[in-house]
Amino acid sequence: MNSNNVKSKKRFIAGASCPSCKAQDTLRWWIENNIELVECVECDYHEQRKPKSVESSEHGSDQMIGIFKPE
């Protein structure tokens, strides 16, 4: 099985409230291409977060398309 084709499991964040609609227990979280994704299943709010290693680098404030990790 090729690890590039494996889908990340989406998990709900218990007790979390959506910053947009304020509904509780509606946020789900997963990682895709080394980027953390959060979305609300009620109002379609979504947020992307870069990994901490990228945020602390000199290019952390640049707009990111992806992260290259040679194997």
PDB file of N, CA and C in Angstrom:
ATOM      1  N   MET A   1       0.843  -1.182   0.000  1.00  0.00           N
ATOM      2  CA  MET A   1       0.000   0.000   0.000  1.00  0.00           C
ATOM      3  C   MET A   1       0.881   1.236   0.000  1.00  0.00           C
ATOM      4  N   ASN A   2       0.590   2.158  -0.840  1.00  0.00           N
ATOM      5  CA  ASN A   2       1.356   3.394  -0.953  1.00  0.00           C
ATOM      6  C   ASN A   2       0.871   4.384   0.095  1.00  0.00           C
ATOM      7  N   SER A   3       1.780   4.915   0.929  1.00  0.00           N
ATOM      8  CA  SER A   3       1.390   5.828   2.006  1.00  0.00           C
ATOM      9  C   SER A   3       0.889   7.164   1.477  1.00  0.00           C
ATOM     10  N   ASN A   4       1.177   7.503   0.216  1.00  0.00           N
ATOM     11  CA  ASN A   4       0.698   8.758  -0.350  1.00  0.00           C
ATOM     12  C   ASN A   4      -0.801   8.727  -0.617  1.00  0.00           C
ATOM     13  N   ASN A   5      -1.379   7.534  -0.745  1.00  0.00           N
ATOM     14  CA  ASN A   5      -2.795   7.411  -1.050  1.00  0.00           C
ATOM     15  C   ASN A   5      -3.650   7.176   0.190  1.00  0.00           C
ATOM     16  N   VAL A   6      -3.043   7.112   1.371  1.00  0.00           N
ATOM     17  CA  VAL A   6      -3.772   6.862   2.602  1.00  0.00           C
ATOM     18  C   VAL A   6      -4.453   8.148   3.053  1.00  0.00           C
ATOM     19  N   LYS A   7      -5.764   8.066   3.314  1.00  0.00           N
ATOM     20  CA  LYS A   7      -6.499   9.236   3.786  1.00  0.00           C
ATOM     21  C   LYS A   7      -6.383   9.324   5.300  1.00  0.00           C
ATOM     22  N   SER A   8      -6.261  10.538   5.794  1.00  0.00           N
ATOM     23  CA  SER A   8      -6.175  10.772   7.219  1.00  0.00           C
ATOM     24  C   SER A   8      -7.561  10.667   7.839  1.00  0.00           C
ATOM     25  N   LYS A   9      -7.620  10.085   9.015  1.00  0.00           N
ATOM     26  CA  LYS A   9      -8.891   9.951   9.711  1.00  0.00           C
ATOM     27  C   LYS A   9      -9.297  11.298  10.297  1.00  0.00           C
ATOM     28  N   LYS A  10     -10.528  11.703  10.055  1.00  0.00           N
ATOM     29  CA  LYS A  10     -11.045  12.959  10.594  1.00  0.00           C
ATOM     30  C   LYS A  10     -11.599  12.684  11.987  1.00  0.00           C
ATOM     31  N   ARG A  11     -11.231  13.548  12.941  1.00  0.00           N
ATOM     32  CA  ARG A  11     -11.650  13.366  14.326  1.00  0.00           C
ATOM     33  C   ARG A  11     -12.403  14.599  14.809  1.00  0.00           C
ATOM     34  N   PHE A  12     -13.457  14.382  15.569  1.00  0.00           N
ATOM     35  CA  PHE A  12     -14.177  15.502  16.168  1.00  0.00           C
ATOM     36  C   PHE A  12     -13.434  15.974  17.410  1.00  0.00           C
ATOM     37  N   ILE A  13     -13.472  17.278  17.659  1.00  0.00           N
ATOM     38  CA  ILE A  13     -12.806  17.875  18.809  1.00  0.00           C
ATOM     39  C   ILE A  13     -13.858  18.030  19.901  1.00  0.00           C
ATOM     40  N   ALA A  14     -13.806  17.166  20.911  1.00  0.00           N
ATOM     41  CA  ALA A  14     -14.811  17.155  21.976  1.00  0.00           C
ATOM     42  C   ALA A  14     -14.801  18.457  22.765  1.00  0.00           C
ATOM     43  N   GLY A  15     -15.975  19.027  22.935  1.00  0.00           N
ATOM     44  CA  GLY A  15     -16.128  20.227  23.747  1.00  0.00           C
ATOM     45  C   GLY A  15     -15.776  21.528  23.058  1.00  0.00           C
ATOM     46  N   ALA A  16     -15.262  21.464  21.842  1.00  0.00           N
ATOM     47  CA  ALA A  16     -14.855  22.683  21.132  1.00  0.00           C
ATOM     48  C   ALA A  16     -16.066  23.367  20.508  1.00  0.00           C
ATOM     49  N   SER A  17     -16.032  24.695  20.496  1.00  0.00           N
ATOM     50  CA  SER A  17     -17.096  25.488  19.876  1.00  0.00           C
ATOM     51  C   SER A  17     -16.572  26.147  18.613  1.00  0.00           C
ATOM     52  N   CYS A  18     -17.390  26.182  17.592  1.00  0.00           N
ATOM     53  CA  CYS A  18     -17.019  26.816  16.325  1.00  0.00           C
ATOM     54  C   CYS A  18     -16.884  28.324  16.531  1.00  0.00           C
ATOM     55  N   PRO A  19     -15.785  28.931  16.070  1.00  0.00           N
ATOM     56  CA  PRO A  19     -15.618  30.378  16.217  1.00  0.00           C
ATOM     57  C   PRO A  19     -16.615  31.186  15.384  1.00  0.00           C
ATOM     58  N   SER A  20     -17.216  30.570  14.386  1.00  0.00           N
ATOM     59  CA  SER A  20     -18.145  31.279  13.511  1.00  0.00           C
ATOM     60  C   SER A  20     -19.596  31.179  13.998  1.00  0.00           C
ATOM     61  N   CYS A  21     -20.116  29.951  14.130  1.00  0.00           N
ATOM     62  CA  CYS A  21     -21.529  29.767  14.498  1.00  0.00           C
ATOM     63  C   CYS A  21     -21.733  29.465  15.980  1.00  0.00           C
ATOM     64  N   LYS A  22     -20.651  29.255  16.723  1.00  0.00           N
ATOM     65  CA  LYS A  22     -20.673  28.991  18.175  1.00  0.00           C
ATOM     66  C   LYS A  22     -21.288  27.640  18.548  1.00  0.00           C
ATOM     67  N   ALA A  23     -21.577  26.784  17.582  1.00  0.00           N
ATOM     68  CA  ALA A  23     -22.118  25.458  17.880  1.00  0.00           C
ATOM     69  C   ALA A  23     -21.028  24.609  18.531  1.00  0.00           C
ATOM     70  N   GLN A  24     -21.419  23.799  19.517  1.00  0.00           N
ATOM     71  CA  GLN A  24     -20.454  22.975  20.240  1.00  0.00           C
ATOM     72  C   GLN A  24     -20.425  21.558  19.668  1.00  0.00           C
ATOM     73  N   ASP A  25     -19.247  20.945  19.722  1.00  0.00           N
ATOM     74  CA  ASP A  25     -19.022  19.570  19.243  1.00  0.00           C
ATOM     75  C   ASP A  25     -19.299  19.399  17.752  1.00  0.00           C
ATOM     76  N   THR A  26     -19.009  20.428  16.959  1.00  0.00           N
ATOM     77  CA  THR A  26     -19.218  20.337  15.508  1.00  0.00           C
ATOM     78  C   THR A  26     -17.920  20.473  14.724  1.00  0.00           C
ATOM     79  N   LEU A  27     -16.787  20.667  15.418  1.00  0.00           N
ATOM     80  CA  LEU A  27     -15.500  20.834  14.728  1.00  0.00           C
ATOM     81  C   LEU A  27     -14.822  19.491  14.531  1.00  0.00           C
ATOM     82  N   ARG A  28     -14.339  19.260  13.320  1.00  0.00           N
ATOM     83  CA  ARG A  28     -13.538  18.063  13.069  1.00  0.00           C
ATOM     84  C   ARG A  28     -12.160  18.486  12.590  1.00  0.00           C
ATOM     85  N   TRP A  29     -11.164  17.655  12.884  1.00  0.00           N
ATOM     86  CA  TRP A  29      -9.753  17.973  12.671  1.00  0.00           C
ATOM     87  C   TRP A  29      -9.086  16.809  11.965  1.00  0.00           C
ATOM     88  N   TRP A  30      -8.178  17.124  11.043  1.00  0.00           N
ATOM     89  CA  TRP A  30      -7.361  16.105  10.391  1.00  0.00           C
ATOM     90  C   TRP A  30      -6.135  16.771   9.794  1.00  0.00           C
ATOM     91  N   ILE A  31      -5.175  15.946   9.373  1.00  0.00           N
ATOM     92  CA  ILE A  31      -3.948  16.436   8.741  1.00  0.00           C
ATOM     93  C   ILE A  31      -3.934  15.942   7.304  1.00  0.00           C
ATOM     94  N   GLU A  32      -3.670  16.862   6.380  1.00  0.00           N
ATOM     95  CA  GLU A  32      -3.592  16.533   4.959  1.00  0.00           C
ATOM     96  C   GLU A  32      -2.369  17.234   4.380  1.00  0.00           C
ATOM     97  N   ASN A  33      -1.465  16.484   3.787  1.00  0.00           N
ATOM     98  CA  ASN A  33      -0.230  17.042   3.213  1.00  0.00           C
ATOM     99  C   ASN A  33       0.529  17.886   4.230  1.00  0.00           C
ATOM    100  N   ASN A  34       0.596  17.392   5.473  1.00  0.00           N
ATOM    101  CA  ASN A  34       1.330  18.051   6.559  1.00  0.00           C
ATOM    102  C   ASN A  34       0.723  19.388   6.981  1.00  0.00           C
ATOM    103  N   ILE A  35      -0.537  19.617   6.690  1.00  0.00           N
ATOM    104  CA  ILE A  35      -1.231  20.834   7.103  1.00  0.00           C
ATOM    105  C   ILE A  35      -2.435  20.423   7.941  1.00  0.00           C
ATOM    106  N   GLU A  36      -2.568  21.029   9.134  1.00  0.00           N
ATOM    107  CA  GLU A  36      -3.712  20.745   9.990  1.00  0.00           C
ATOM    108  C   GLU A  36      -4.946  21.459   9.448  1.00  0.00           C
ATOM    109  N   LEU A  37      -6.041  20.733   9.341  1.00  0.00           N
ATOM    110  CA  LEU A  37      -7.294  21.298   8.845  1.00  0.00           C
ATOM    111  C   LEU A  37      -8.373  21.133   9.909  1.00  0.00           C
ATOM    112  N   VAL A  38      -9.171  22.173  10.096  1.00  0.00           N
ATOM    113  CA  VAL A  38     -10.305  22.146  11.019  1.00  0.00           C
ATOM    114  C   VAL A  38     -11.509  22.672  10.255  1.00  0.00           C
ATOM    115  N   GLU A  39     -12.652  21.982  10.390  1.00  0.00           N
ATOM    116  CA  GLU A  39     -13.868  22.481   9.757  1.00  0.00           C
ATOM    117  C   GLU A  39     -15.070  22.205  10.643  1.00  0.00           C
ATOM    118  N   CYS A  40     -16.075  23.058  10.516  1.00  0.00           N
ATOM    119  CA  CYS A  40     -17.329  22.906  11.246  1.00  0.00           C
ATOM    120  C   CYS A  40     -18.328  22.213  10.327  1.00  0.00           C
ATOM    121  N   VAL A  41     -18.978  21.175  10.834  1.00  0.00           N
ATOM    122  CA  VAL A  41     -19.946  20.441  10.019  1.00  0.00           C
ATOM    123  C   VAL A  41     -21.305  21.141   9.977  1.00  0.00           C
ATOM    124  N   GLU A  42     -21.502  22.161  10.817  1.00  0.00           N
ATOM    125  CA  GLU A  42     -22.763  22.913  10.834  1.00  0.00           C
ATOM    126  C   GLU A  42     -22.753  24.072   9.841  1.00  0.00           C
ATOM    127  N   CYS A  43     -21.708  24.907   9.898  1.00  0.00           N
ATOM    128  CA  CYS A  43     -21.729  26.154   9.114  1.00  0.00           C
ATOM    129  C   CYS A  43     -20.672  26.202   8.011  1.00  0.00           C
ATOM    130  N   ASP A  44     -19.895  25.138   7.832  1.00  0.00           N
ATOM    131  CA  ASP A  44     -18.867  25.064   6.791  1.00  0.00           C
ATOM    132  C   ASP A  44     -17.668  25.984   7.051  1.00  0.00           C
ATOM    133  N   TYR A  45     -17.484  26.436   8.302  1.00  0.00           N
ATOM    134  CA  TYR A  45     -16.274  27.177   8.683  1.00  0.00           C
ATOM    135  C   TYR A  45     -15.076  26.256   8.492  1.00  0.00           C
ATOM    136  N   HIS A  46     -13.949  26.791   8.025  1.00  0.00           N
ATOM    137  CA  HIS A  46     -12.736  25.989   7.899  1.00  0.00           C
ATOM    138  C   HIS A  46     -11.503  26.842   8.189  1.00  0.00           C
ATOM    139  N   GLU A  47     -10.463  26.171   8.652  1.00  0.00           N
ATOM    140  CA  GLU A  47      -9.209  26.827   9.016  1.00  0.00           C
ATOM    141  C   GLU A  47      -8.061  25.882   8.682  1.00  0.00           C
ATOM    142  N   GLN A  48      -6.945  26.471   8.245  1.00  0.00           N
ATOM    143  CA  GLN A  48      -5.734  25.692   7.968  1.00  0.00           C
ATOM    144  C   GLN A  48      -4.631  26.193   8.876  1.00  0.00           C
ATOM    145  N   ARG A  49      -3.834  25.263   9.394  1.00  0.00           N
ATOM    146  CA  ARG A  49      -2.703  25.629  10.244  1.00  0.00           C
ATOM    147  C   ARG A  49      -1.452  24.946   9.731  1.00  0.00           C
ATOM    148  N   LYS A  50      -0.385  25.723   9.671  1.00  0.00           N
ATOM    149  CA  LYS A  50       0.903  25.172   9.270  1.00  0.00           C
ATOM    150  C   LYS A  50       1.516  24.432  10.458  1.00  0.00           C
ATOM    151  N   PRO A  51       2.361  23.439  10.195  1.00  0.00           N
ATOM    152  CA  PRO A  51       3.081  22.783  11.285  1.00  0.00           C
ATOM    153  C   PRO A  51       3.957  23.790  12.026  1.00  0.00           C
ATOM    154  N   LYS A  52       4.195  23.571  13.324  1.00  0.00           N
ATOM    155  CA  LYS A  52       4.987  24.501  14.132  1.00  0.00           C
ATOM    156  C   LYS A  52       6.394  24.695  13.584  1.00  0.00           C
ATOM    157  N   SER A  53       6.977  23.677  12.978  1.00  0.00           N
ATOM    158  CA  SER A  53       8.328  23.805  12.427  1.00  0.00           C
ATOM    159  C   SER A  53       8.367  24.815  11.290  1.00  0.00           C
ATOM    160  N   VAL A  54       7.280  24.952  10.549  1.00  0.00           N
ATOM    161  CA  VAL A  54       7.214  25.919   9.452  1.00  0.00           C
ATOM    162  C   VAL A  54       6.942  27.311  10.002  1.00  0.00           C
ATOM    163  N   GLU A  55       6.040  27.416  10.994  1.00  0.00           N
ATOM    164  CA  GLU A  55       5.717  28.717  11.572  1.00  0.00           C
ATOM    165  C   GLU A  55       6.930  29.385  12.196  1.00  0.00           C
ATOM    166  N   SER A  56       7.838  28.592  12.782  1.00  0.00           N
ATOM    167  CA  SER A  56       9.002  29.166  13.444  1.00  0.00           C
ATOM    168  C   SER A  56      10.172  29.396  12.489  1.00  0.00           C
ATOM    169  N   SER A  57      10.051  28.986  11.238  1.00  0.00           N
ATOM    170  CA  SER A  57      11.138  29.193  10.284  1.00  0.00           C
ATOM    171  C   SER A  57      11.092  30.613   9.728  1.00  0.00           C
ATOM    172  N   GLU A  58      12.138  31.003   9.018  1.00  0.00           N
ATOM    173  CA  GLU A  58      12.197  32.347   8.448  1.00  0.00           C
ATOM    174  C   GLU A  58      11.134  32.564   7.380  1.00  0.00           C
ATOM    175  N   HIS A  59      10.580  31.486   6.820  1.00  0.00           N
ATOM    176  CA  HIS A  59       9.559  31.590   5.778  1.00  0.00           C
ATOM    177  C   HIS A  59       8.160  31.322   6.324  1.00  0.00           C
ATOM    178  N   GLY A  60       8.001  31.287   7.639  1.00  0.00           N
ATOM    179  CA  GLY A  60       6.721  30.957   8.256  1.00  0.00           C
ATOM    180  C   GLY A  60       5.600  31.902   7.900  1.00  0.00           C
ATOM    181  N   SER A  61       5.904  33.171   7.644  1.00  0.00           N
ATOM    182  CA  SER A  61       4.848  34.129   7.322  1.00  0.00           C
ATOM    183  C   SER A  61       4.523  34.156   5.829  1.00  0.00           C
ATOM    184  N   ASP A  62       5.319  33.483   5.014  1.00  0.00           N
ATOM    185  CA  ASP A  62       5.051  33.422   3.578  1.00  0.00           C
ATOM    186  C   ASP A  62       3.824  32.557   3.315  1.00  0.00           C
ATOM    187  N   GLN A  63       3.163  32.816   2.201  1.00  0.00           N
ATOM    188  CA  GLN A  63       2.025  31.986   1.824  1.00  0.00           C
ATOM    189  C   GLN A  63       2.557  30.613   1.424  1.00  0.00           C
ATOM    190  N   MET A  64       1.989  29.553   1.996  1.00  0.00           N
ATOM    191  CA  MET A  64       2.513  28.218   1.785  1.00  0.00           C
ATOM    192  C   MET A  64       1.605  27.426   0.853  1.00  0.00           C
ATOM    193  N   ILE A  65       2.222  26.733  -0.087  1.00  0.00           N
ATOM    194  CA  ILE A  65       1.495  25.829  -0.969  1.00  0.00           C
ATOM    195  C   ILE A  65       1.605  24.410  -0.423  1.00  0.00           C
ATOM    196  N   GLY A  66       2.763  24.026   0.044  1.00  0.00           N
ATOM    197  CA  GLY A  66       2.986  22.697   0.591  1.00  0.00           C
ATOM    198  C   GLY A  66       4.375  22.592   1.166  1.00  0.00           C
ATOM    199  N   ILE A  67       4.673  21.445   1.737  1.00  0.00           N
ATOM    200  CA  ILE A  67       5.989  21.202   2.327  1.00  0.00           C
ATOM    201  C   ILE A  67       6.582  19.987   1.639  1.00  0.00           C
ATOM    202  N   PHE A  68       7.798  20.129   1.149  1.00  0.00           N
ATOM    203  CA  PHE A  68       8.489  19.025   0.490  1.00  0.00           C
ATOM    204  C   PHE A  68       9.309  18.281   1.525  1.00  0.00           C
ATOM    205  N   LYS A  69       9.089  16.977   1.629  1.00  0.00           N
ATOM    206  CA  LYS A  69       9.859  16.139   2.543  1.00  0.00           C
ATOM    207  C   LYS A  69      10.465  14.999   1.732  1.00  0.00           C
ATOM    208  N   PRO A  70      11.742  15.090   1.376  1.00  0.00           N
ATOM    209  CA  PRO A  70      12.365  13.995   0.621  1.00  0.00           C
ATOM    210  C   PRO A  70      12.439  12.732   1.471  1.00  0.00           C
ATOM    211  N   GLU A  71      12.219  11.596   0.830  1.00  0.00           N
ATOM    212  CA  GLU A  71      12.249  10.332   1.564  1.00  0.00           C
ATOM    213  C   GLU A  71      13.510   9.566   1.309  1.00  0.00           C
TER     214      GLU A  71
END
